[in-house]
Amino acid sequence: MKTKKPSEMTLEELLKREKMIQVAIYSLIALNIILIIAVIFLFTKQGFSALIVIPFSMVSFIIIFSNSLKEIRKEITSRNS
Protein backbone atom coordinates (compact mmCIF):
# COMPACT_ATOMS: atom_id res chain seq x y z
CA MET A 1 0.00 0.00 0.00
CA LYS A 2 1.42 3.33 -1.04
CA THR A 3 1.25 6.16 1.48
CA LYS A 4 -0.43 9.36 0.42
CA LYS A 5 1.24 12.73 0.37
CA PRO A 6 -0.01 15.11 3.05
CA SER A 7 -1.60 17.30 0.39
CA GLU A 8 -3.78 14.35 -0.68
CA MET A 9 -5.03 13.54 2.84
CA THR A 10 -8.09 14.85 4.60
CA LEU A 11 -7.68 16.93 7.75
CA GLU A 12 -8.81 14.02 9.93
CA GLU A 13 -6.22 11.74 8.33
CA LEU A 14 -3.54 14.37 8.88
CA LEU A 15 -4.42 14.75 12.54
CA LYS A 16 -4.45 10.97 13.02
CA ARG A 17 -1.09 10.61 11.26
CA GLU A 18 0.38 13.49 13.30
CA LYS A 19 -0.61 11.82 16.56
CA MET A 20 0.73 8.44 15.40
CA ILE A 21 4.09 9.89 14.36
CA GLN A 22 4.41 11.79 17.63
CA VAL A 23 3.91 8.57 19.60
CA ALA A 24 6.45 6.80 17.39
CA ILE A 25 9.03 9.57 17.90
CA TYR A 26 8.61 9.62 21.69
CA SER A 27 8.78 5.83 21.83
CA LEU A 28 11.97 5.76 19.74
CA ILE A 29 13.56 8.43 21.92
CA ALA A 30 12.70 6.50 25.11
CA LEU A 31 13.97 3.26 23.61
CA ASN A 32 17.14 4.99 22.44
CA ILE A 33 17.82 6.32 25.96
CA ILE A 34 17.35 2.83 27.41
CA LEU A 35 19.67 1.36 24.78
CA ILE A 36 22.34 3.99 25.44
CA ILE A 37 22.23 3.19 29.16
CA ALA A 38 22.46 -0.54 28.38
CA VAL A 39 25.39 0.02 26.00
CA ILE A 40 27.24 2.11 28.60
CA PHE A 41 26.66 -0.61 31.19
CA LEU A 42 27.87 -3.33 28.81
CA PHE A 43 30.86 -1.22 27.79
CA THR A 44 31.97 -0.87 31.42
CA LYS A 45 31.51 -4.60 32.08
CA GLN A 46 32.74 -6.22 28.85
CA GLY A 47 34.52 -3.57 26.87
CA PHE A 48 33.79 -2.80 23.23
CA SER A 49 30.76 -4.46 21.68
CA ALA A 50 29.01 -4.24 18.33
CA LEU A 51 25.83 -3.19 20.16
CA ILE A 52 27.22 0.34 20.42
CA VAL A 53 26.06 1.00 16.86
CA ILE A 54 22.36 0.28 17.47
CA PRO A 55 21.36 3.44 19.41
CA PHE A 56 23.16 5.68 16.93
CA SER A 57 21.56 3.98 13.94
CA MET A 58 18.11 4.59 15.43
CA VAL A 59 18.71 8.34 15.29
CA SER A 60 18.12 8.22 11.54
CA PHE A 61 14.58 6.92 12.12
CA ILE A 62 13.92 9.74 14.56
CA ILE A 63 15.11 12.30 12.00
CA ILE A 64 12.97 10.80 9.24
CA PHE A 65 9.87 10.78 11.44
CA SER A 66 10.58 14.34 12.60
CA ASN A 67 10.78 15.57 9.01
CA SER A 68 7.53 13.80 8.18
CA LEU A 69 5.86 15.33 11.24
CA LYS A 70 7.06 18.79 10.24
CA GLU A 71 5.60 18.32 6.75
CA ILE A 72 2.25 17.19 8.18
CA ARG A 73 2.10 20.12 10.60
CA LYS A 74 2.88 22.51 7.76
CA GLU A 75 -0.02 21.09 5.75
CA ILE A 76 -2.37 21.33 8.74
CA THR A 77 -1.49 24.97 9.37
CA SER A 78 -1.89 25.82 5.70
CA ARG A 79 -5.41 24.37 5.73
CA ASN A 80 -6.38 26.10 8.97
CA SER A 81 -5.39 29.56 7.79
PDB file of N, CA and C in Angstrom:
ATOM      1  N   MET A   1       0.827  -1.174   0.000  1.00  0.00           N
ATOM      2  CA  MET A   1       0.000   0.000   0.000  1.00  0.00           C
ATOM      3  C   MET A   1       0.879   1.247   0.000  1.00  0.00           C
ATOM      4  N   LYS A   2       0.629   2.111  -0.932  1.00  0.00           N
ATOM      5  CA  LYS A   2       1.420   3.331  -1.039  1.00  0.00           C
ATOM      6  C   LYS A   2       0.843   4.399  -0.117  1.00  0.00           C
ATOM      7  N   THR A   3       1.725   5.101   0.598  1.00  0.00           N
ATOM      8  CA  THR A   3       1.250   6.158   1.478  1.00  0.00           C
ATOM      9  C   THR A   3       0.963   7.410   0.667  1.00  0.00           C
ATOM     10  N   LYS A   4      -0.047   8.135   1.105  1.00  0.00           N
ATOM     11  CA  LYS A   4      -0.432   9.355   0.416  1.00  0.00           C
ATOM     12  C   LYS A   4       0.455  10.509   0.865  1.00  0.00           C
ATOM     13  N   LYS A   5       0.564  11.497   0.001  1.00  0.00           N
ATOM     14  CA  LYS A   5       1.240  12.729   0.369  1.00  0.00           C
ATOM     15  C   LYS A   5       0.306  13.507   1.291  1.00  0.00           C
ATOM     16  N   PRO A   6       0.857  14.343   2.161  1.00  0.00           N
ATOM     17  CA  PRO A   6      -0.014  15.113   3.055  1.00  0.00           C
ATOM     18  C   PRO A   6      -1.018  15.990   2.315  1.00  0.00           C
ATOM     19  N   SER A   7      -0.670  16.463   1.135  1.00  0.00           N
ATOM     20  CA  SER A   7      -1.598  17.304   0.386  1.00  0.00           C
ATOM     21  C   SER A   7      -2.799  16.522  -0.137  1.00  0.00           C
ATOM     22  N   GLU A   8      -2.698  15.188  -0.192  1.00  0.00           N
ATOM     23  CA  GLU A   8      -3.783  14.348  -0.684  1.00  0.00           C
ATOM     24  C   GLU A   8      -4.667  13.807   0.437  1.00  0.00           C
ATOM     25  N   MET A   9      -4.300  14.071   1.689  1.00  0.00           N
ATOM     26  CA  MET A   9      -5.034  13.541   2.835  1.00  0.00           C
ATOM     27  C   MET A   9      -6.084  14.532   3.307  1.00  0.00           C
ATOM     28  N   THR A  10      -7.108  13.976   3.976  1.00  0.00           N
ATOM     29  CA  THR A  10      -8.094  14.848   4.603  1.00  0.00           C
ATOM     30  C   THR A  10      -7.512  15.367   5.920  1.00  0.00           C
ATOM     31  N   LEU A  11      -8.167  16.357   6.492  1.00  0.00           N
ATOM     32  CA  LEU A  11      -7.682  16.934   7.748  1.00  0.00           C
ATOM     33  C   LEU A  11      -7.708  15.905   8.874  1.00  0.00           C
ATOM     34  N   GLU A  12      -8.724  15.062   8.897  1.00  0.00           N
ATOM     35  CA  GLU A  12      -8.810  14.021   9.927  1.00  0.00           C
ATOM     36  C   GLU A  12      -7.662  13.022   9.794  1.00  0.00           C
ATOM     37  N   GLU A  13      -7.351  12.658   8.554  1.00  0.00           N
ATOM     38  CA  GLU A  13      -6.224  11.740   8.328  1.00  0.00           C
ATOM     39  C   GLU A  13      -4.906  12.382   8.751  1.00  0.00           C
ATOM     40  N   LEU A  14      -4.759  13.666   8.478  1.00  0.00           N
ATOM     41  CA  LEU A  14      -3.536  14.370   8.877  1.00  0.00           C
ATOM     42  C   LEU A  14      -3.385  14.402  10.388  1.00  0.00           C
ATOM     43  N   LEU A  15      -4.475  14.699  11.082  1.00  0.00           N
ATOM     44  CA  LEU A  15      -4.417  14.749  12.545  1.00  0.00           C
ATOM     45  C   LEU A  15      -4.115  13.372  13.137  1.00  0.00           C
ATOM     46  N   LYS A  16      -4.705  12.340  12.559  1.00  0.00           N
ATOM     47  CA  LYS A  16      -4.451  10.972  13.019  1.00  0.00           C
ATOM     48  C   LYS A  16      -2.988  10.591  12.773  1.00  0.00           C
ATOM     49  N   ARG A  17      -2.478  10.916  11.595  1.00  0.00           N
ATOM     50  CA  ARG A  17      -1.086  10.609  11.257  1.00  0.00           C
ATOM     51  C   ARG A  17      -0.119  11.396  12.135  1.00  0.00           C
ATOM     52  N   GLU A  18      -0.472  12.663  12.428  1.00  0.00           N
ATOM     53  CA  GLU A  18       0.377  13.488  13.295  1.00  0.00           C
ATOM     54  C   GLU A  18       0.501  12.857  14.676  1.00  0.00           C
ATOM     55  N   LYS A  19      -0.623  12.425  15.228  1.00  0.00           N
ATOM     56  CA  LYS A  19      -0.614  11.816  16.559  1.00  0.00           C
ATOM     57  C   LYS A  19       0.190  10.514  16.566  1.00  0.00           C
ATOM     58  N   MET A  20       0.026   9.712  15.503  1.00  0.00           N
ATOM     59  CA  MET A  20       0.727   8.436  15.405  1.00  0.00           C
ATOM     60  C   MET A  20       2.246   8.646  15.302  1.00  0.00           C
ATOM     61  N   ILE A  21       2.656   9.625  14.517  1.00  0.00           N
ATOM     62  CA  ILE A  21       4.089   9.888  14.356  1.00  0.00           C
ATOM     63  C   ILE A  21       4.678  10.443  15.646  1.00  0.00           C
ATOM     64  N   GLN A  22       3.925  11.272  16.353  1.00  0.00           N
ATOM     65  CA  GLN A  22       4.414  11.795  17.633  1.00  0.00           C
ATOM     66  C   GLN A  22       4.671  10.659  18.619  1.00  0.00           C
ATOM     67  N   VAL A  23       3.737   9.717  18.701  1.00  0.00           N
ATOM     68  CA  VAL A  23       3.912   8.575  19.602  1.00  0.00           C
ATOM     69  C   VAL A  23       5.136   7.757  19.182  1.00  0.00           C
ATOM     70  N   ALA A  24       5.311   7.567  17.895  1.00  0.00           N
ATOM     71  CA  ALA A  24       6.453   6.800  17.394  1.00  0.00           C
ATOM     72  C   ALA A  24       7.773   7.497  17.741  1.00  0.00           C
ATOM     73  N   ILE A  25       7.812   8.825  17.591  1.00  0.00           N
ATOM     74  CA  ILE A  25       9.033   9.571  17.902  1.00  0.00           C
ATOM     75  C   ILE A  25       9.367   9.469  19.384  1.00  0.00           C
ATOM     76  N   TYR A  26       8.356   9.695  20.244  1.00  0.00           N
ATOM     77  CA  TYR A  26       8.610   9.623  21.686  1.00  0.00           C
ATOM     78  C   TYR A  26       9.018   8.217  22.106  1.00  0.00           C
ATOM     79  N   SER A  27       8.415   7.207  21.501  1.00  0.00           N
ATOM     80  CA  SER A  27       8.784   5.828  21.825  1.00  0.00           C
ATOM     81  C   SER A  27      10.220   5.527  21.401  1.00  0.00           C
ATOM     82  N   LEU A  28      10.594   5.988  20.213  1.00  0.00           N
ATOM     83  CA  LEU A  28      11.969   5.760  19.744  1.00  0.00           C
ATOM     84  C   LEU A  28      12.984   6.490  20.611  1.00  0.00           C
ATOM     85  N   ILE A  29      12.654   7.686  21.053  1.00  0.00           N
ATOM     86  CA  ILE A  29      13.563   8.431  21.922  1.00  0.00           C
ATOM     87  C   ILE A  29      13.732   7.708  23.251  1.00  0.00           C
ATOM     88  N   ALA A  30      12.614   7.241  23.835  1.00  0.00           N
ATOM     89  CA  ALA A  30      12.696   6.505  25.106  1.00  0.00           C
ATOM     90  C   ALA A  30      13.496   5.216  24.944  1.00  0.00           C
ATOM     91  N   LEU A  31      13.236   4.495  23.871  1.00  0.00           N
ATOM     92  CA  LEU A  31      13.971   3.264  23.615  1.00  0.00           C
ATOM     93  C   LEU A  31      15.455   3.536  23.391  1.00  0.00           C
ATOM     94  N   ASN A  32      15.748   4.626  22.698  1.00  0.00           N
ATOM     95  CA  ASN A  32      17.141   4.993  22.443  1.00  0.00           C
ATOM     96  C   ASN A  32      17.866   5.314  23.748  1.00  0.00           C
ATOM     97  N   ILE A  33      17.206   6.003  24.667  1.00  0.00           N
ATOM     98  CA  ILE A  33      17.820   6.317  25.957  1.00  0.00           C
ATOM     99  C   ILE A  33      18.109   5.038  26.727  1.00  0.00           C
ATOM    100  N   ILE A  34      17.144   4.114  26.723  1.00  0.00           N
ATOM    101  CA  ILE A  34      17.350   2.830  27.408  1.00  0.00           C
ATOM    102  C   ILE A  34      18.508   2.066  26.779  1.00  0.00           C
ATOM    103  N   LEU A  35      18.578   2.064  25.455  1.00  0.00           N
ATOM    104  CA  LEU A  35      19.670   1.363  24.775  1.00  0.00           C
ATOM    105  C   LEU A  35      21.030   1.995  25.063  1.00  0.00           C
ATOM    106  N   ILE A  36      21.072   3.316  25.132  1.00  0.00           N
ATOM    107  CA  ILE A  36      22.341   3.992  25.441  1.00  0.00           C
ATOM    108  C   ILE A  36      22.804   3.631  26.844  1.00  0.00           C
ATOM    109  N   ILE A  37      21.875   3.591  27.791  1.00  0.00           N
ATOM    110  CA  ILE A  37      22.229   3.192  29.162  1.00  0.00           C
ATOM    111  C   ILE A  37      22.728   1.754  29.182  1.00  0.00           C
ATOM    112  N   ALA A  38      22.039   0.869  28.443  1.00  0.00           N
ATOM    113  CA  ALA A  38      22.464  -0.538  28.383  1.00  0.00           C
ATOM    114  C   ALA A  38      23.840  -0.676  27.740  1.00  0.00           C
ATOM    115  N   VAL A  39      24.098   0.083  26.685  1.00  0.00           N
ATOM    116  CA  VAL A  39      25.392   0.023  26.002  1.00  0.00           C
ATOM    117  C   VAL A  39      26.505   0.522  26.923  1.00  0.00           C
ATOM    118  N   ILE A  40      26.235   1.598  27.662  1.00  0.00           N
ATOM    119  CA  ILE A  40      27.243   2.114  28.605  1.00  0.00           C
ATOM    120  C   ILE A  40      27.530   1.073  29.684  1.00  0.00           C
ATOM    121  N   PHE A  41      26.479   0.439  30.185  1.00  0.00           N
ATOM    122  CA  PHE A  41      26.657  -0.611  31.189  1.00  0.00           C
ATOM    123  C   PHE A  41      27.473  -1.773  30.627  1.00  0.00           C
ATOM    124  N   LEU A  42      27.114  -2.226  29.421  1.00  0.00           N
ATOM    125  CA  LEU A  42      27.866  -3.330  28.808  1.00  0.00           C
ATOM    126  C   LEU A  42      29.305  -2.938  28.496  1.00  0.00           C
ATOM    127  N   PHE A  43      29.510  -1.685  28.110  1.00  0.00           N
ATOM    128  CA  PHE A  43      30.859  -1.221  27.795  1.00  0.00           C
ATOM    129  C   PHE A  43      31.738  -1.242  29.040  1.00  0.00           C
ATOM    130  N   THR A  44      31.168  -0.863  30.185  1.00  0.00           N
ATOM    131  CA  THR A  44      31.969  -0.871  31.415  1.00  0.00           C
ATOM    132  C   THR A  44      32.248  -2.287  31.901  1.00  0.00           C
ATOM    133  N   LYS A  45      31.324  -3.221  31.615  1.00  0.00           N
ATOM    134  CA  LYS A  45      31.505  -4.599  32.081  1.00  0.00           C
ATOM    135  C   LYS A  45      32.344  -5.446  31.125  1.00  0.00           C
ATOM    136  N   GLN A  46      32.103  -5.315  29.805  1.00  0.00           N
ATOM    137  CA  GLN A  46      32.737  -6.217  28.854  1.00  0.00           C
ATOM    138  C   GLN A  46      33.707  -5.541  27.908  1.00  0.00           C
ATOM    139  N   GLY A  47      33.693  -4.247  27.848  1.00  0.00           N
ATOM    140  CA  GLY A  47      34.523  -3.568  26.873  1.00  0.00           C
ATOM    141  C   GLY A  47      33.731  -3.302  25.606  1.00  0.00           C
ATOM    142  N   PHE A  48      34.434  -3.147  24.500  1.00  0.00           N
ATOM    143  CA  PHE A  48      33.789  -2.802  23.233  1.00  0.00           C
ATOM    144  C   PHE A  48      32.864  -3.915  22.764  1.00  0.00           C
ATOM    145  N   SER A  49      31.717  -3.512  22.227  1.00  0.00           N
ATOM    146  CA  SER A  49      30.755  -4.464  21.681  1.00  0.00           C
ATOM    147  C   SER A  49      30.121  -3.862  20.432  1.00  0.00           C
ATOM    148  N   ALA A  50      29.656  -4.712  19.555  1.00  0.00           N
ATOM    149  CA  ALA A  50      29.012  -4.236  18.333  1.00  0.00           C
ATOM    150  C   ALA A  50      27.664  -3.587  18.607  1.00  0.00           C
ATOM    151  N   LEU A  51      27.119  -3.787  19.792  1.00  0.00           N
ATOM    152  CA  LEU A  51      25.829  -3.191  20.156  1.00  0.00           C
ATOM    153  C   LEU A  51      25.883  -1.673  20.283  1.00  0.00           C
ATOM    154  N   ILE A  52      27.062  -1.117  20.314  1.00  0.00           N
ATOM    155  CA  ILE A  52      27.219   0.340  20.424  1.00  0.00           C
ATOM    156  C   ILE A  52      26.594   1.038  19.219  1.00  0.00           C
ATOM    157  N   VAL A  53      26.556   0.392  18.091  1.00  0.00           N
ATOM    158  CA  VAL A  53      26.064   0.998  16.856  1.00  0.00           C
ATOM    159  C   VAL A  53      24.543   1.161  16.862  1.00  0.00           C
ATOM    160  N   ILE A  54      23.824   0.302  17.548  1.00  0.00           N
ATOM    161  CA  ILE A  54      22.365   0.278  17.472  1.00  0.00           C
ATOM    162  C   ILE A  54      21.704   1.596  17.891  1.00  0.00           C
ATOM    163  N   PRO A  55      22.030   2.182  19.049  1.00  0.00           N
ATOM    164  CA  PRO A  55      21.358   3.439  19.407  1.00  0.00           C
ATOM    165  C   PRO A  55      21.633   4.570  18.413  1.00  0.00           C
ATOM    166  N   PHE A  56      22.821   4.602  17.866  1.00  0.00           N
ATOM    167  CA  PHE A  56      23.164   5.676  16.935  1.00  0.00           C
ATOM    168  C   PHE A  56      22.505   5.477  15.570  1.00  0.00           C
ATOM    169  N   SER A  57      22.253   4.226  15.209  1.00  0.00           N
ATOM    170  CA  SER A  57      21.561   3.983  13.939  1.00  0.00           C
ATOM    171  C   SER A  57      20.079   4.310  14.043  1.00  0.00           C
ATOM    172  N   MET A  58      19.520   4.264  15.238  1.00  0.00           N
ATOM    173  CA  MET A  58      18.106   4.590  15.432  1.00  0.00           C
ATOM    174  C   MET A  58      17.847   6.089  15.310  1.00  0.00           C
ATOM    175  N   VAL A  59      18.872   6.892  15.420  1.00  0.00           N
ATOM    176  CA  VAL A  59      18.713   8.339  15.291  1.00  0.00           C
ATOM    177  C   VAL A  59      18.204   8.696  13.895  1.00  0.00           C
ATOM    178  N   SER A  60      18.591   7.932  12.900  1.00  0.00           N
ATOM    179  CA  SER A  60      18.123   8.218  11.539  1.00  0.00           C
ATOM    180  C   SER A  60      16.609   8.067  11.429  1.00  0.00           C
ATOM    181  N   PHE A  61      16.032   7.075  12.116  1.00  0.00           N
ATOM    182  CA  PHE A  61      14.577   6.920  12.115  1.00  0.00           C
ATOM    183  C   PHE A  61      13.897   8.110  12.781  1.00  0.00           C
ATOM    184  N   ILE A  62      14.482   8.588  13.859  1.00  0.00           N
ATOM    185  CA  ILE A  62      13.917   9.742  14.562  1.00  0.00           C
ATOM    186  C   ILE A  62      13.938  10.968  13.655  1.00  0.00           C
ATOM    187  N   ILE A  63      15.007  11.155  12.922  1.00  0.00           N
ATOM    188  CA  ILE A  63      15.113  12.297  12.005  1.00  0.00           C
ATOM    189  C   ILE A  63      14.090  12.186  10.880  1.00  0.00           C
ATOM    190  N   ILE A  64      13.934  11.003  10.316  1.00  0.00           N
ATOM    191  CA  ILE A  64      12.971  10.803   9.236  1.00  0.00           C
ATOM    192  C   ILE A  64      11.550  11.078   9.725  1.00  0.00           C
ATOM    193  N   PHE A  65      11.205  10.546  10.895  1.00  0.00           N
ATOM    194  CA  PHE A  65       9.871  10.782  11.443  1.00  0.00           C
ATOM    195  C   PHE A  65       9.659  12.253  11.788  1.00  0.00           C
ATOM    196  N   SER A  66      10.698  12.925  12.274  1.00  0.00           N
ATOM    197  CA  SER A  66      10.576  14.342  12.600  1.00  0.00           C
ATOM    198  C   SER A  66      10.330  15.178  11.350  1.00  0.00           C
ATOM    199  N   ASN A  67      11.008  14.852  10.273  1.00  0.00           N
ATOM    200  CA  ASN A  67      10.782  15.568   9.012  1.00  0.00           C
ATOM    201  C   ASN A  67       9.367  15.328   8.493  1.00  0.00           C
ATOM    202  N   SER A  68       8.884  14.116   8.616  1.00  0.00           N
ATOM    203  CA  SER A  68       7.530  13.799   8.183  1.00  0.00           C
ATOM    204  C   SER A  68       6.505  14.541   9.042  1.00  0.00           C
ATOM    205  N   LEU A  69       6.762  14.610  10.335  1.00  0.00           N
ATOM    206  CA  LEU A  69       5.864  15.328  11.243  1.00  0.00           C
ATOM    207  C   LEU A  69       5.846  16.814  10.921  1.00  0.00           C
ATOM    208  N   LYS A  70       6.991  17.369  10.595  1.00  0.00           N
ATOM    209  CA  LYS A  70       7.059  18.785  10.237  1.00  0.00           C
ATOM    210  C   LYS A  70       6.256  19.062   8.966  1.00  0.00           C
ATOM    211  N   GLU A  71       6.341  18.167   8.005  1.00  0.00           N
ATOM    212  CA  GLU A  71       5.597  18.320   6.753  1.00  0.00           C
ATOM    213  C   GLU A  71       4.086  18.246   6.995  1.00  0.00           C
ATOM    214  N   ILE A  72       3.679  17.326   7.864  1.00  0.00           N
ATOM    215  CA  ILE A  72       2.255  17.189   8.180  1.00  0.00           C
ATOM    216  C   ILE A  72       1.746  18.426   8.916  1.00  0.00           C
ATOM    217  N   ARG A  73       2.501  18.909   9.875  1.00  0.00           N
ATOM    218  CA  ARG A  73       2.100  20.121  10.602  1.00  0.00           C
ATOM    219  C   ARG A  73       2.010  21.317   9.684  1.00  0.00           C
ATOM    220  N   LYS A  74       2.902  21.407   8.732  1.00  0.00           N
ATOM    221  CA  LYS A  74       2.881  22.507   7.762  1.00  0.00           C
ATOM    222  C   LYS A  74       1.601  22.446   6.945  1.00  0.00           C
ATOM    223  N   GLU A  75       1.222  21.255   6.521  1.00  0.00           N
ATOM    224  CA  GLU A  75      -0.019  21.094   5.752  1.00  0.00           C
ATOM    225  C   GLU A  75      -1.247  21.422   6.598  1.00  0.00           C
ATOM    226  N   ILE A  76      -1.246  21.027   7.868  1.00  0.00           N
ATOM    227  CA  ILE A  76      -2.369  21.326   8.741  1.00  0.00           C
ATOM    228  C   ILE A  76      -2.526  22.831   8.940  1.00  0.00           C
ATOM    229  N   THR A  77      -1.414  23.524   9.174  1.00  0.00           N
ATOM    230  CA  THR A  77      -1.492  24.967   9.373  1.00  0.00           C
ATOM    231  C   THR A  77      -1.897  25.687   8.092  1.00  0.00           C
ATOM    232  N   SER A  78      -1.490  25.181   6.950  1.00  0.00           N
ATOM    233  CA  SER A  78      -1.885  25.823   5.695  1.00  0.00           C
ATOM    234  C   SER A  78      -3.390  25.670   5.442  1.00  0.00           C
ATOM    235  N   ARG A  79      -3.963  24.581   5.901  1.00  0.00           N
ATOM    236  CA  ARG A  79      -5.406  24.370   5.726  1.00  0.00           C
ATOM    237  C   ARG A  79      -6.211  25.159   6.750  1.00  0.00           C
ATOM    238  N   ASN A  80      -5.656  25.371   7.936  1.00  0.00           N
ATOM    239  CA  ASN A  80      -6.380  26.099   8.967  1.00  0.00           C
ATOM    240  C   ASN A  80      -6.382  27.607   8.748  1.00  0.00           C
ATOM    241  N   SER A  81      -5.438  28.102   7.980  1.00  0.00           N
ATOM    242  CA  SER A  81      -5.386  29.559   7.786  1.00  0.00           C
ATOM    243  C   SER A  81      -6.035  29.995   6.491  1.00  0.00           C
TER     244      SER A  81
END
